[in-house]
Amino acid sequence: MKKTKIIILIIFMLSAVMTVISMRPSEKNIVEVVQDGKIIYTFDLLTAENQTIKIPSPDGNSSNTVTISDGKICMSDSECPDKICVKSGFLKSESIPVVCLPNRLVIRFGNEVN
């Protein structure tokens, strides 16, 4: 019984450490806006001007609004039904992108400006 408790405790501690590591803010400045697997925009957040970009969905029936403000990027509006992407807020972590599944749009950290 004692070994089982120790194993459970070790598993819990490892999962907690992995969660903390994955939530760490990114040190990258390059972000990509990807739709249907294709990069449609690349920005360097250190030099990007504050701007708002409206991106139509692939079927043209709805759109998303991407906003860059003070070196941060977010999905500020979406015509999708659940708006999880908008509720995600600003992109912070390399392991957790901002995603709008209905409109097949992703904001993620990238490696270089094209």
PDB file of N, CA and C in Angstrom:
ATOM      1  N   MET A   1       0.821  -1.196   0.000  1.00  0.00           N
ATOM      2  CA  MET A   1       0.000   0.000   0.000  1.00  0.00           C
ATOM      3  C   MET A   1       0.869   1.266   0.000  1.00  0.00           C
ATOM      4  N   LYS A   2       1.945   1.228   0.744  1.00  0.00           N
ATOM      5  CA  LYS A   2       2.815   2.387   0.844  1.00  0.00           C
ATOM      6  C   LYS A   2       3.485   2.687  -0.499  1.00  0.00           C
ATOM      7  N   LYS A   3       3.886   1.653  -1.248  1.00  0.00           N
ATOM      8  CA  LYS A   3       4.499   1.845  -2.559  1.00  0.00           C
ATOM      9  C   LYS A   3       3.521   2.483  -3.531  1.00  0.00           C
ATOM     10  N   THR A   4       2.278   2.084  -3.465  1.00  0.00           N
ATOM     11  CA  THR A   4       1.250   2.645  -4.343  1.00  0.00           C
ATOM     12  C   THR A   4       1.091   4.141  -4.098  1.00  0.00           C
ATOM     13  N   LYS A   5       1.077   4.542  -2.844  1.00  0.00           N
ATOM     14  CA  LYS A   5       0.948   5.963  -2.515  1.00  0.00           C
ATOM     15  C   LYS A   5       2.151   6.757  -3.028  1.00  0.00           C
ATOM     16  N   ILE A   6       3.330   6.196  -2.896  1.00  0.00           N
ATOM     17  CA  ILE A   6       4.539   6.869  -3.372  1.00  0.00           C
ATOM     18  C   ILE A   6       4.508   7.011  -4.888  1.00  0.00           C
ATOM     19  N   ILE A   7       4.096   5.976  -5.589  1.00  0.00           N
ATOM     20  CA  ILE A   7       4.003   6.024  -7.049  1.00  0.00           C
ATOM     21  C   ILE A   7       2.987   7.063  -7.489  1.00  0.00           C
ATOM     22  N   ILE A   8       1.840   7.093  -6.836  1.00  0.00           N
ATOM     23  CA  ILE A   8       0.806   8.088  -7.163  1.00  0.00           C
ATOM     24  C   ILE A   8       1.332   9.494  -6.916  1.00  0.00           C
ATOM     25  N   LEU A   9       2.037   9.693  -5.811  1.00  0.00           N
ATOM     26  CA  LEU A   9       2.605  11.002  -5.494  1.00  0.00           C
ATOM     27  C   LEU A   9       3.634  11.428  -6.542  1.00  0.00           C
ATOM     28  N   ILE A  10       4.485  10.506  -6.975  1.00  0.00           N
ATOM     29  CA  ILE A  10       5.483  10.814  -8.000  1.00  0.00           C
ATOM     30  C   ILE A  10       4.813  11.174  -9.313  1.00  0.00           C
ATOM     31  N   ILE A  11       3.796  10.425  -9.709  1.00  0.00           N
ATOM     32  CA  ILE A  11       3.066  10.728 -10.952  1.00  0.00           C
ATOM     33  C   ILE A  11       2.410  12.094 -10.862  1.00  0.00           C
ATOM     34  N   PHE A  12       1.800  12.405  -9.727  1.00  0.00           N
ATOM     35  CA  PHE A  12       1.160  13.706  -9.540  1.00  0.00           C
ATOM     36  C   PHE A  12       2.178  14.834  -9.639  1.00  0.00           C
ATOM     37  N   MET A  13       3.333  14.670  -9.006  1.00  0.00           N
ATOM     38  CA  MET A  13       4.360  15.710  -9.031  1.00  0.00           C
ATOM     39  C   MET A  13       4.909  15.905 -10.442  1.00  0.00           C
ATOM     40  N   LEU A  14       5.130  14.822 -11.170  1.00  0.00           N
ATOM     41  CA  LEU A  14       5.615  14.940 -12.551  1.00  0.00           C
ATOM     42  C   LEU A  14       4.598  15.652 -13.437  1.00  0.00           C
ATOM     43  N   SER A  15       3.322  15.333 -13.280  1.00  0.00           N
ATOM     44  CA  SER A  15       2.311  16.004 -14.100  1.00  0.00           C
ATOM     45  C   SER A  15       2.211  17.482 -13.745  1.00  0.00           C
ATOM     46  N   ALA A  16       2.382  17.819 -12.471  1.00  0.00           N
ATOM     47  CA  ALA A  16       2.355  19.228 -12.070  1.00  0.00           C
ATOM     48  C   ALA A  16       3.529  19.991 -12.674  1.00  0.00           C
ATOM     49  N   VAL A  17       4.706  19.392 -12.656  1.00  0.00           N
ATOM     50  CA  VAL A  17       5.891  20.027 -13.245  1.00  0.00           C
ATOM     51  C   VAL A  17       5.699  20.210 -14.751  1.00  0.00           C
ATOM     52  N   MET A  18       5.172  19.206 -15.437  1.00  0.00           N
ATOM     53  CA  MET A  18       4.939  19.301 -16.882  1.00  0.00           C
ATOM     54  C   MET A  18       3.931  20.407 -17.196  1.00  0.00           C
ATOM     55  N   THR A  19       2.909  20.553 -16.370  1.00  0.00           N
ATOM     56  CA  THR A  19       1.917  21.610 -16.576  1.00  0.00           C
ATOM     57  C   THR A  19       2.561  22.980 -16.426  1.00  0.00           C
ATOM     58  N   VAL A  20       3.370  23.162 -15.415  1.00  0.00           N
ATOM     59  CA  VAL A  20       4.041  24.445 -15.195  1.00  0.00           C
ATOM     60  C   VAL A  20       4.974  24.767 -16.359  1.00  0.00           C
ATOM     61  N   ILE A  21       5.714  23.775 -16.838  1.00  0.00           N
ATOM     62  CA  ILE A  21       6.631  23.988 -17.954  1.00  0.00           C
ATOM     63  C   ILE A  21       5.870  24.377 -19.210  1.00  0.00           C
ATOM     64  N   SER A  22       4.744  23.736 -19.487  1.00  0.00           N
ATOM     65  CA  SER A  22       3.988  24.028 -20.710  1.00  0.00           C
ATOM     66  C   SER A  22       3.306  25.388 -20.655  1.00  0.00           C
ATOM     67  N   MET A  23       3.062  25.934 -19.490  1.00  0.00           N
ATOM     68  CA  MET A  23       2.386  27.222 -19.350  1.00  0.00           C
ATOM     69  C   MET A  23       3.367  28.391 -19.311  1.00  0.00           C
ATOM     70  N   ARG A  24       4.654  28.107 -19.354  1.00  0.00           N
ATOM     71  CA  ARG A  24       5.674  29.152 -19.287  1.00  0.00           C
ATOM     72  C   ARG A  24       5.530  30.105 -20.478  1.00  0.00           C
ATOM     73  N   PRO A  25       5.569  31.416 -20.240  1.00  0.00           N
ATOM     74  CA  PRO A  25       5.467  32.358 -21.359  1.00  0.00           C
ATOM     75  C   PRO A  25       6.596  32.155 -22.366  1.00  0.00           C
ATOM     76  N   SER A  26       6.274  32.357 -23.618  1.00  0.00           N
ATOM     77  CA  SER A  26       7.264  32.168 -24.671  1.00  0.00           C
ATOM     78  C   SER A  26       8.232  33.336 -24.712  1.00  0.00           C
ATOM     79  N   GLU A  27       9.465  33.033 -25.068  1.00  0.00           N
ATOM     80  CA  GLU A  27      10.467  34.066 -25.282  1.00  0.00           C
ATOM     81  C   GLU A  27      10.572  34.415 -26.760  1.00  0.00           C
ATOM     82  N   LYS A  28       9.800  33.724 -27.604  1.00  0.00           N
ATOM     83  CA  LYS A  28       9.816  33.999 -29.037  1.00  0.00           C
ATOM     84  C   LYS A  28       9.000  35.244 -29.342  1.00  0.00           C
ATOM     85  N   ASN A  29       9.343  35.914 -30.431  1.00  0.00           N
ATOM     86  CA  ASN A  29       8.625  37.116 -30.853  1.00  0.00           C
ATOM     87  C   ASN A  29       7.928  36.919 -32.189  1.00  0.00           C
ATOM     88  N   ILE A  30       8.248  35.846 -32.892  1.00  0.00           N
ATOM     89  CA  ILE A  30       7.665  35.593 -34.204  1.00  0.00           C
ATOM     90  C   ILE A  30       6.381  34.796 -34.031  1.00  0.00           C
ATOM     91  N   VAL A  31       5.298  35.291 -34.631  1.00  0.00           N
ATOM     92  CA  VAL A  31       4.026  34.570 -34.585  1.00  0.00           C
ATOM     93  C   VAL A  31       3.530  34.325 -36.000  1.00  0.00           C
ATOM     94  N   GLU A  32       2.772  33.254 -36.155  1.00  0.00           N
ATOM     95  CA  GLU A  32       2.190  32.891 -37.442  1.00  0.00           C
ATOM     96  C   GLU A  32       0.676  32.794 -37.286  1.00  0.00           C
ATOM     97  N   VAL A  33      -0.021  33.274 -38.289  1.00  0.00           N
ATOM     98  CA  VAL A  33      -1.463  33.072 -38.381  1.00  0.00           C
ATOM     99  C   VAL A  33      -1.654  32.041 -39.486  1.00  0.00           C
ATOM    100  N   VAL A  34      -2.238  30.909 -39.125  1.00  0.00           N
ATOM    101  CA  VAL A  34      -2.335  29.766 -40.022  1.00  0.00           C
ATOM    102  C   VAL A  34      -3.803  29.427 -40.255  1.00  0.00           C
ATOM    103  N   GLN A  35      -4.153  29.230 -41.536  1.00  0.00           N
ATOM    104  CA  GLN A  35      -5.516  28.816 -41.870  1.00  0.00           C
ATOM    105  C   GLN A  35      -5.446  27.606 -42.789  1.00  0.00           C
ATOM    106  N   ASP A  36      -6.166  26.575 -42.422  1.00  0.00           N
ATOM    107  CA  ASP A  36      -6.153  25.319 -43.195  1.00  0.00           C
ATOM    108  C   ASP A  36      -4.736  24.783 -43.405  1.00  0.00           C
ATOM    109  N   GLY A  37      -3.873  24.954 -42.406  1.00  0.00           N
ATOM    110  CA  GLY A  37      -2.517  24.429 -42.487  1.00  0.00           C
ATOM    111  C   GLY A  37      -1.535  25.293 -43.264  1.00  0.00           C
ATOM    112  N   LYS A  38      -1.990  26.429 -43.785  1.00  0.00           N
ATOM    113  CA  LYS A  38      -1.111  27.314 -44.548  1.00  0.00           C
ATOM    114  C   LYS A  38      -0.890  28.619 -43.777  1.00  0.00           C
ATOM    115  N   ILE A  39       0.374  29.042 -43.706  1.00  0.00           N
ATOM    116  CA  ILE A  39       0.685  30.303 -43.033  1.00  0.00           C
ATOM    117  C   ILE A  39       0.210  31.442 -43.915  1.00  0.00           C
ATOM    118  N   ILE A  40      -0.705  32.262 -43.385  1.00  0.00           N
ATOM    119  CA  ILE A  40      -1.216  33.387 -44.174  1.00  0.00           C
ATOM    120  C   ILE A  40      -0.612  34.721 -43.729  1.00  0.00           C
ATOM    121  N   TYR A  41      -0.134  34.788 -42.484  1.00  0.00           N
ATOM    122  CA  TYR A  41       0.562  35.984 -41.989  1.00  0.00           C
ATOM    123  C   TYR A  41       1.672  35.546 -41.043  1.00  0.00           C
ATOM    124  N   THR A  42       2.768  36.298 -41.045  1.00  0.00           N
ATOM    125  CA  THR A  42       3.849  36.120 -40.084  1.00  0.00           C
ATOM    126  C   THR A  42       4.209  37.507 -39.564  1.00  0.00           C
ATOM    127  N   PHE A  43       4.342  37.616 -38.240  1.00  0.00           N
ATOM    128  CA  PHE A  43       4.662  38.907 -37.626  1.00  0.00           C
ATOM    129  C   PHE A  43       5.799  38.755 -36.632  1.00  0.00           C
ATOM    130  N   ASP A  44       6.623  39.780 -36.539  1.00  0.00           N
ATOM    131  CA  ASP A  44       7.583  39.906 -35.453  1.00  0.00           C
ATOM    132  C   ASP A  44       6.938  40.866 -34.463  1.00  0.00           C
ATOM    133  N   LEU A  45       6.553  40.372 -33.296  1.00  0.00           N
ATOM    134  CA  LEU A  45       5.819  41.199 -32.342  1.00  0.00           C
ATOM    135  C   LEU A  45       6.644  42.354 -31.791  1.00  0.00           C
ATOM    136  N   LEU A  46       7.975  42.279 -31.914  1.00  0.00           N
ATOM    137  CA  LEU A  46       8.809  43.387 -31.457  1.00  0.00           C
ATOM    138  C   LEU A  46       8.707  44.599 -32.370  1.00  0.00           C
ATOM    139  N   THR A  47       8.422  44.352 -33.657  1.00  0.00           N
ATOM    140  CA  THR A  47       8.395  45.451 -34.625  1.00  0.00           C
ATOM    141  C   THR A  47       7.022  45.677 -35.252  1.00  0.00           C
ATOM    142  N   ALA A  48       6.078  44.782 -35.009  1.00  0.00           N
ATOM    143  CA  ALA A  48       4.758  44.901 -35.654  1.00  0.00           C
ATOM    144  C   ALA A  48       3.996  46.106 -35.111  1.00  0.00           C
ATOM    145  N   GLU A  49       3.369  46.822 -36.027  1.00  0.00           N
ATOM    146  CA  GLU A  49       2.535  47.949 -35.639  1.00  0.00           C
ATOM    147  C   GLU A  49       1.230  47.435 -35.046  1.00  0.00           C
ATOM    148  N   ASN A  50       0.625  48.236 -34.168  1.00  0.00           N
ATOM    149  CA  ASN A  50      -0.700  47.887 -33.665  1.00  0.00           C
ATOM    150  C   ASN A  50      -1.654  47.870 -34.857  1.00  0.00           C
ATOM    151  N   GLN A  51      -2.390  46.771 -35.001  1.00  0.00           N
ATOM    152  CA  GLN A  51      -3.290  46.641 -36.145  1.00  0.00           C
ATOM    153  C   GLN A  51      -4.362  45.607 -35.883  1.00  0.00           C
ATOM    154  N   THR A  52      -5.401  45.670 -36.692  1.00  0.00           N
ATOM    155  CA  THR A  52      -6.497  44.709 -36.644  1.00  0.00           C
ATOM    156  C   THR A  52      -6.695  44.167 -38.049  1.00  0.00           C
ATOM    157  N   ILE A  53      -6.778  42.831 -38.150  1.00  0.00           N
ATOM    158  CA  ILE A  53      -6.922  42.182 -39.454  1.00  0.00           C
ATOM    159  C   ILE A  53      -8.162  41.290 -39.412  1.00  0.00           C
ATOM    160  N   LYS A  54      -9.045  41.477 -40.367  1.00  0.00           N
ATOM    161  CA  LYS A  54     -10.227  40.623 -40.480  1.00  0.00           C
ATOM    162  C   LYS A  54      -9.916  39.508 -41.475  1.00  0.00           C
ATOM    163  N   ILE A  55     -10.087  38.261 -41.040  1.00  0.00           N
ATOM    164  CA  ILE A  55      -9.745  37.099 -41.865  1.00  0.00           C
ATOM    165  C   ILE A  55     -11.005  36.284 -42.125  1.00  0.00           C
ATOM    166  N   PRO A  56     -11.439  36.191 -43.392  1.00  0.00           N
ATOM    167  CA  PRO A  56     -12.632  35.392 -43.696  1.00  0.00           C
ATOM    168  C   PRO A  56     -12.366  33.906 -43.519  1.00  0.00           C
ATOM    169  N   SER A  57     -13.396  33.165 -43.142  1.00  0.00           N
ATOM    170  CA  SER A  57     -13.281  31.712 -43.032  1.00  0.00           C
ATOM    171  C   SER A  57     -13.109  31.123 -44.429  1.00  0.00           C
ATOM    172  N   PRO A  58     -12.621  29.887 -44.530  1.00  0.00           N
ATOM    173  CA  PRO A  58     -12.430  29.278 -45.849  1.00  0.00           C
ATOM    174  C   PRO A  58     -13.703  29.212 -46.690  1.00  0.00           C
ATOM    175  N   ASP A  59     -14.861  29.053 -46.037  1.00  0.00           N
ATOM    176  CA  ASP A  59     -16.111  28.983 -46.801  1.00  0.00           C
ATOM    177  C   ASP A  59     -16.717  30.361 -47.051  1.00  0.00           C
ATOM    178  N   GLY A  60     -16.136  31.400 -46.454  1.00  0.00           N
ATOM    179  CA  GLY A  60     -16.601  32.766 -46.673  1.00  0.00           C
ATOM    180  C   GLY A  60     -17.858  33.145 -45.902  1.00  0.00           C
ATOM    181  N   ASN A  61     -18.353  32.258 -45.050  1.00  0.00           N
ATOM    182  CA  ASN A  61     -19.598  32.526 -44.319  1.00  0.00           C
ATOM    183  C   ASN A  61     -19.397  33.239 -42.988  1.00  0.00           C
ATOM    184  N   SER A  62     -18.167  33.321 -42.517  1.00  0.00           N
ATOM    185  CA  SER A  62     -17.886  34.000 -41.257  1.00  0.00           C
ATOM    186  C   SER A  62     -16.459  34.534 -41.300  1.00  0.00           C
ATOM    187  N   SER A  63     -16.034  35.143 -40.202  1.00  0.00           N
ATOM    188  CA  SER A  63     -14.678  35.685 -40.167  1.00  0.00           C
ATOM    189  C   SER A  63     -14.163  35.756 -38.737  1.00  0.00           C
ATOM    190  N   ASN A  64     -12.872  35.985 -38.623  1.00  0.00           N
ATOM    191  CA  ASN A  64     -12.207  36.220 -37.344  1.00  0.00           C
ATOM    192  C   ASN A  64     -11.481  37.551 -37.436  1.00  0.00           C
ATOM    193  N   THR A  65     -11.330  38.205 -36.316  1.00  0.00           N
ATOM    194  CA  THR A  65     -10.548  39.429 -36.248  1.00  0.00           C
ATOM    195  C   THR A  65      -9.341  39.176 -35.359  1.00  0.00           C
ATOM    196  N   VAL A  66      -8.157  39.389 -35.927  1.00  0.00           N
ATOM    197  CA  VAL A  66      -6.897  39.227 -35.200  1.00  0.00           C
ATOM    198  C   VAL A  66      -6.388  40.625 -34.881  1.00  0.00           C
ATOM    199  N   THR A  67      -5.982  40.829 -33.630  1.00  0.00           N
ATOM    200  CA  THR A  67      -5.497  42.138 -33.203  1.00  0.00           C
ATOM    201  C   THR A  67      -4.086  42.028 -32.643  1.00  0.00           C
ATOM    202  N   ILE A  68      -3.220  42.921 -33.105  1.00  0.00           N
ATOM    203  CA  ILE A  68      -1.888  43.070 -32.537  1.00  0.00           C
ATOM    204  C   ILE A  68      -1.888  44.390 -31.786  1.00  0.00           C
ATOM    205  N   SER A  69      -1.529  44.333 -30.502  1.00  0.00           N
ATOM    206  CA  SER A  69      -1.552  45.530 -29.674  1.00  0.00           C
ATOM    207  C   SER A  69      -0.402  45.472 -28.673  1.00  0.00           C
ATOM    208  N   ASP A  70       0.440  46.463 -28.707  1.00  0.00           N
ATOM    209  CA  ASP A  70       1.557  46.587 -27.760  1.00  0.00           C
ATOM    210  C   ASP A  70       2.404  45.315 -27.679  1.00  0.00           C
ATOM    211  N   GLY A  71       2.722  44.740 -28.837  1.00  0.00           N
ATOM    212  CA  GLY A  71       3.595  43.577 -28.880  1.00  0.00           C
ATOM    213  C   GLY A  71       2.942  42.265 -28.491  1.00  0.00           C
ATOM    214  N   LYS A  72       1.611  42.227 -28.468  1.00  0.00           N
ATOM    215  CA  LYS A  72       0.873  41.001 -28.153  1.00  0.00           C
ATOM    216  C   LYS A  72      -0.159  40.768 -29.252  1.00  0.00           C
ATOM    217  N   ILE A  73      -0.583  39.509 -29.421  1.00  0.00           N
ATOM    218  CA  ILE A  73      -1.532  39.165 -30.466  1.00  0.00           C
ATOM    219  C   ILE A  73      -2.653  38.294 -29.886  1.00  0.00           C
ATOM    220  N   CYS A  74      -3.866  38.532 -30.379  1.00  0.00           N
ATOM    221  CA  CYS A  74      -5.014  37.741 -29.926  1.00  0.00           C
ATOM    222  C   CYS A  74      -6.063  37.679 -31.031  1.00  0.00           C
ATOM    223  N   MET A  75      -7.017  36.800 -30.842  1.00  0.00           N
ATOM    224  CA  MET A  75      -8.201  36.736 -31.689  1.00  0.00           C
ATOM    225  C   MET A  75      -9.243  37.585 -30.944  1.00  0.00           C
ATOM    226  N   SER A  76      -9.447  38.805 -31.396  1.00  0.00           N
ATOM    227  CA  SER A  76     -10.288  39.732 -30.656  1.00  0.00           C
ATOM    228  C   SER A  76     -11.776  39.569 -30.947  1.00  0.00           C
ATOM    229  N   ASP A  77     -12.114  38.943 -32.080  1.00  0.00           N
ATOM    230  CA  ASP A  77     -13.520  38.708 -32.398  1.00  0.00           C
ATOM    231  C   ASP A  77     -13.622  37.525 -33.346  1.00  0.00           C
ATOM    232  N   SER A  78     -14.747  36.846 -33.276  1.00  0.00           N
ATOM    233  CA  SER A  78     -14.984  35.721 -34.160  1.00  0.00           C
ATOM    234  C   SER A  78     -16.483  35.550 -34.364  1.00  0.00           C
ATOM    235  N   GLU A  79     -16.843  35.136 -35.560  1.00  0.00           N
ATOM    236  CA  GLU A  79     -18.251  34.874 -35.851  1.00  0.00           C
ATOM    237  C   GLU A  79     -18.585  33.398 -35.653  1.00  0.00           C
ATOM    238  N   CYS A  80     -17.698  32.648 -35.000  1.00  0.00           N
ATOM    239  CA  CYS A  80     -17.982  31.245 -34.700  1.00  0.00           C
ATOM    240  C   CYS A  80     -18.939  31.185 -33.508  1.00  0.00           C
ATOM    241  N   PRO A  81     -19.631  30.068 -33.332  1.00  0.00           N
ATOM    242  CA  PRO A  81     -20.660  30.003 -32.289  1.00  0.00           C
ATOM    243  C   PRO A  81     -20.132  30.027 -30.851  1.00  0.00           C
ATOM    244  N   ASP A  82     -18.993  29.415 -30.561  1.00  0.00           N
ATOM    245  CA  ASP A  82     -18.572  29.288 -29.163  1.00  0.00           C
ATOM    246  C   ASP A  82     -17.582  30.349 -28.690  1.00  0.00           C
ATOM    247  N   LYS A  83     -16.846  30.962 -29.583  1.00  0.00           N
ATOM    248  CA  LYS A  83     -15.890  32.043 -29.285  1.00  0.00           C
ATOM    249  C   LYS A  83     -14.807  31.644 -28.277  1.00  0.00           C
ATOM    250  N   ILE A  84     -14.447  30.366 -28.248  1.00  0.00           N
ATOM    251  CA  ILE A  84     -13.368  29.914 -27.372  1.00  0.00           C
ATOM    252  C   ILE A  84     -12.073  30.615 -27.733  1.00  0.00           C
ATOM    253  N   CYS A  85     -11.858  30.855 -29.024  1.00  0.00           N
ATOM    254  CA  CYS A  85     -10.637  31.528 -29.470  1.00  0.00           C
ATOM    255  C   CYS A  85     -10.540  32.935 -28.885  1.00  0.00           C
ATOM    256  N   VAL A  86     -11.640  33.636 -28.818  1.00  0.00           N
ATOM    257  CA  VAL A  86     -11.657  34.996 -28.269  1.00  0.00           C
ATOM    258  C   VAL A  86     -11.413  34.940 -26.762  1.00  0.00           C
ATOM    259  N   LYS A  87     -12.027  33.964 -26.098  1.00  0.00           N
ATOM    260  CA  LYS A  87     -11.871  33.812 -24.649  1.00  0.00           C
ATOM    261  C   LYS A  87     -10.458  33.388 -24.267  1.00  0.00           C
ATOM    262  N   SER A  88      -9.693  32.864 -25.227  1.00  0.00           N
ATOM    263  CA  SER A  88      -8.312  32.438 -24.945  1.00  0.00           C
ATOM    264  C   SER A  88      -7.409  33.618 -24.618  1.00  0.00           C
ATOM    265  N   GLY A  89      -7.763  34.801 -25.074  1.00  0.00           N
ATOM    266  CA  GLY A  89      -6.951  35.987 -24.798  1.00  0.00           C
ATOM    267  C   GLY A  89      -5.710  36.049 -25.669  1.00  0.00           C
ATOM    268  N   PHE A  90      -4.700  36.743 -25.173  1.00  0.00           N
ATOM    269  CA  PHE A  90      -3.454  36.924 -25.926  1.00  0.00           C
ATOM    270  C   PHE A  90      -2.652  35.630 -25.948  1.00  0.00           C
ATOM    271  N   LEU A  91      -1.942  35.405 -27.052  1.00  0.00           N
ATOM    272  CA  LEU A  91      -1.059  34.257 -27.188  1.00  0.00           C
ATOM    273  C   LEU A  91       0.083  34.408 -26.188  1.00  0.00           C
ATOM    274  N   LYS A  92       0.303  33.363 -25.367  1.00  0.00           N
ATOM    275  CA  LYS A  92       1.320  33.448 -24.322  1.00  0.00           C
ATOM    276  C   LYS A  92       2.358  32.335 -24.406  1.00  0.00           C
ATOM    277  N   SER A  93       1.897  31.128 -24.691  1.00  0.00           N
ATOM    278  CA  SER A  93       2.749  29.954 -24.570  1.00  0.00           C
ATOM    279  C   SER A  93       2.940  29.271 -25.912  1.00  0.00           C
ATOM    280  N   GLU A  94       4.139  28.744 -26.133  1.00  0.00           N
ATOM    281  CA  GLU A  94       4.418  28.008 -27.366  1.00  0.00           C
ATOM    282  C   GLU A  94       3.603  26.725 -27.447  1.00  0.00           C
ATOM    283  N   SER A  95       3.245  26.167 -26.316  1.00  0.00           N
ATOM    284  CA  SER A  95       2.533  24.891 -26.326  1.00  0.00           C
ATOM    285  C   SER A  95       1.017  25.046 -26.350  1.00  0.00           C
ATOM    286  N   ILE A  96       0.512  26.269 -26.221  1.00  0.00           N
ATOM    287  CA  ILE A  96      -0.937  26.478 -26.241  1.00  0.00           C
ATOM    288  C   ILE A  96      -1.269  27.596 -27.239  1.00  0.00           C
ATOM    289  N   PRO A  97      -1.535  27.244 -28.502  1.00  0.00           N
ATOM    290  CA  PRO A  97      -1.888  28.274 -29.491  1.00  0.00           C
ATOM    291  C   PRO A  97      -3.321  28.770 -29.281  1.00  0.00           C
ATOM    292  N   VAL A  98      -3.652  29.869 -29.943  1.00  0.00           N
ATOM    293  CA  VAL A  98      -5.035  30.349 -29.977  1.00  0.00           C
ATOM    294  C   VAL A  98      -5.666  29.705 -31.207  1.00  0.00           C
ATOM    295  N   VAL A  99      -6.779  28.991 -31.029  1.00  0.00           N
ATOM    296  CA  VAL A  99      -7.350  28.193 -32.106  1.00  0.00           C
ATOM    297  C   VAL A  99      -8.843  28.464 -32.253  1.00  0.00           C
ATOM    298  N   CYS A 100      -9.279  28.662 -33.499  1.00  0.00           N
ATOM    299  CA  CYS A 100     -10.696  28.723 -33.839  1.00  0.00           C
ATOM    300  C   CYS A 100     -10.980  27.516 -34.741  1.00  0.00           C
ATOM    301  N   LEU A 101     -11.504  26.457 -34.167  1.00  0.00           N
ATOM    302  CA  LEU A 101     -11.755  25.246 -34.942  1.00  0.00           C
ATOM    303  C   LEU A 101     -12.804  25.434 -36.034  1.00  0.00           C
ATOM    304  N   PRO A 102     -13.947  26.105 -35.755  1.00  0.00           N
ATOM    305  CA  PRO A 102     -14.945  26.236 -36.826  1.00  0.00           C
ATOM    306  C   PRO A 102     -14.418  26.957 -38.072  1.00  0.00           C
ATOM    307  N   ASN A 103     -13.542  27.943 -37.869  1.00  0.00           N
ATOM    308  CA  ASN A 103     -13.007  28.708 -38.997  1.00  0.00           C
ATOM    309  C   ASN A 103     -11.606  28.252 -39.402  1.00  0.00           C
ATOM    310  N   ARG A 104     -11.121  27.192 -38.783  1.00  0.00           N
ATOM    311  CA  ARG A 104      -9.829  26.564 -39.119  1.00  0.00           C
ATOM    312  C   ARG A 104      -8.677  27.575 -39.114  1.00  0.00           C
ATOM    313  N   LEU A 105      -8.610  28.357 -38.031  1.00  0.00           N
ATOM    314  CA  LEU A 105      -7.612  29.413 -37.906  1.00  0.00           C
ATOM    315  C   LEU A 105      -6.817  29.220 -36.619  1.00  0.00           C
ATOM    316  N   VAL A 106      -5.492  29.380 -36.707  1.00  0.00           N
ATOM    317  CA  VAL A 106      -4.608  29.190 -35.553  1.00  0.00           C
ATOM    318  C   VAL A 106      -3.627  30.353 -35.483  1.00  0.00           C
ATOM    319  N   ILE A 107      -3.390  30.846 -34.270  1.00  0.00           N
ATOM    320  CA  ILE A 107      -2.310  31.802 -34.019  1.00  0.00           C
ATOM    321  C   ILE A 107      -1.306  31.051 -33.156  1.00  0.00           C
ATOM    322  N   ARG A 108      -0.044  30.992 -33.604  1.00  0.00           N
ATOM    323  CA  ARG A 108       0.981  30.236 -32.871  1.00  0.00           C
ATOM    324  C   ARG A 108       2.325  30.934 -32.997  1.00  0.00           C
ATOM    325  N   PHE A 109       3.235  30.581 -32.109  1.00  0.00           N
ATOM    326  CA  PHE A 109       4.589  31.086 -32.224  1.00  0.00           C
ATOM    327  C   PHE A 109       5.298  30.338 -33.343  1.00  0.00           C
ATOM    328  N   GLY A 110       6.108  31.048 -34.114  1.00  0.00           N
ATOM    329  CA  GLY A 110       6.845  30.468 -35.230  1.00  0.00           C
ATOM    330  C   GLY A 110       8.337  30.682 -35.033  1.00  0.00           C
ATOM    331  N   ASN A 111       9.077  30.430 -36.096  1.00  0.00           N
ATOM    332  CA  ASN A 111      10.537  30.501 -36.000  1.00  0.00           C
ATOM    333  C   ASN A 111      11.163  31.694 -36.698  1.00  0.00           C
ATOM    334  N   GLU A 112      10.598  32.130 -37.828  1.00  0.00           N
ATOM    335  CA  GLU A 112      11.219  33.236 -38.559  1.00  0.00           C
ATOM    336  C   GLU A 112      10.179  33.959 -39.406  1.00  0.00           C
ATOM    337  N   VAL A 113      10.461  35.211 -39.709  1.00  0.00           N
ATOM    338  CA  VAL A 113       9.583  35.990 -40.573  1.00  0.00           C
ATOM    339  C   VAL A 113       9.892  35.637 -42.013  1.00  0.00           C
ATOM    340  N   ASN A 114       8.849  35.323 -42.794  1.00  0.00           N
ATOM    341  CA  ASN A 114       9.048  35.000 -44.216  1.00  0.00           C
ATOM    342  C   ASN A 114       9.065  36.237 -45.063  1.00  0.00           C
TER     343      ASN A 114
END
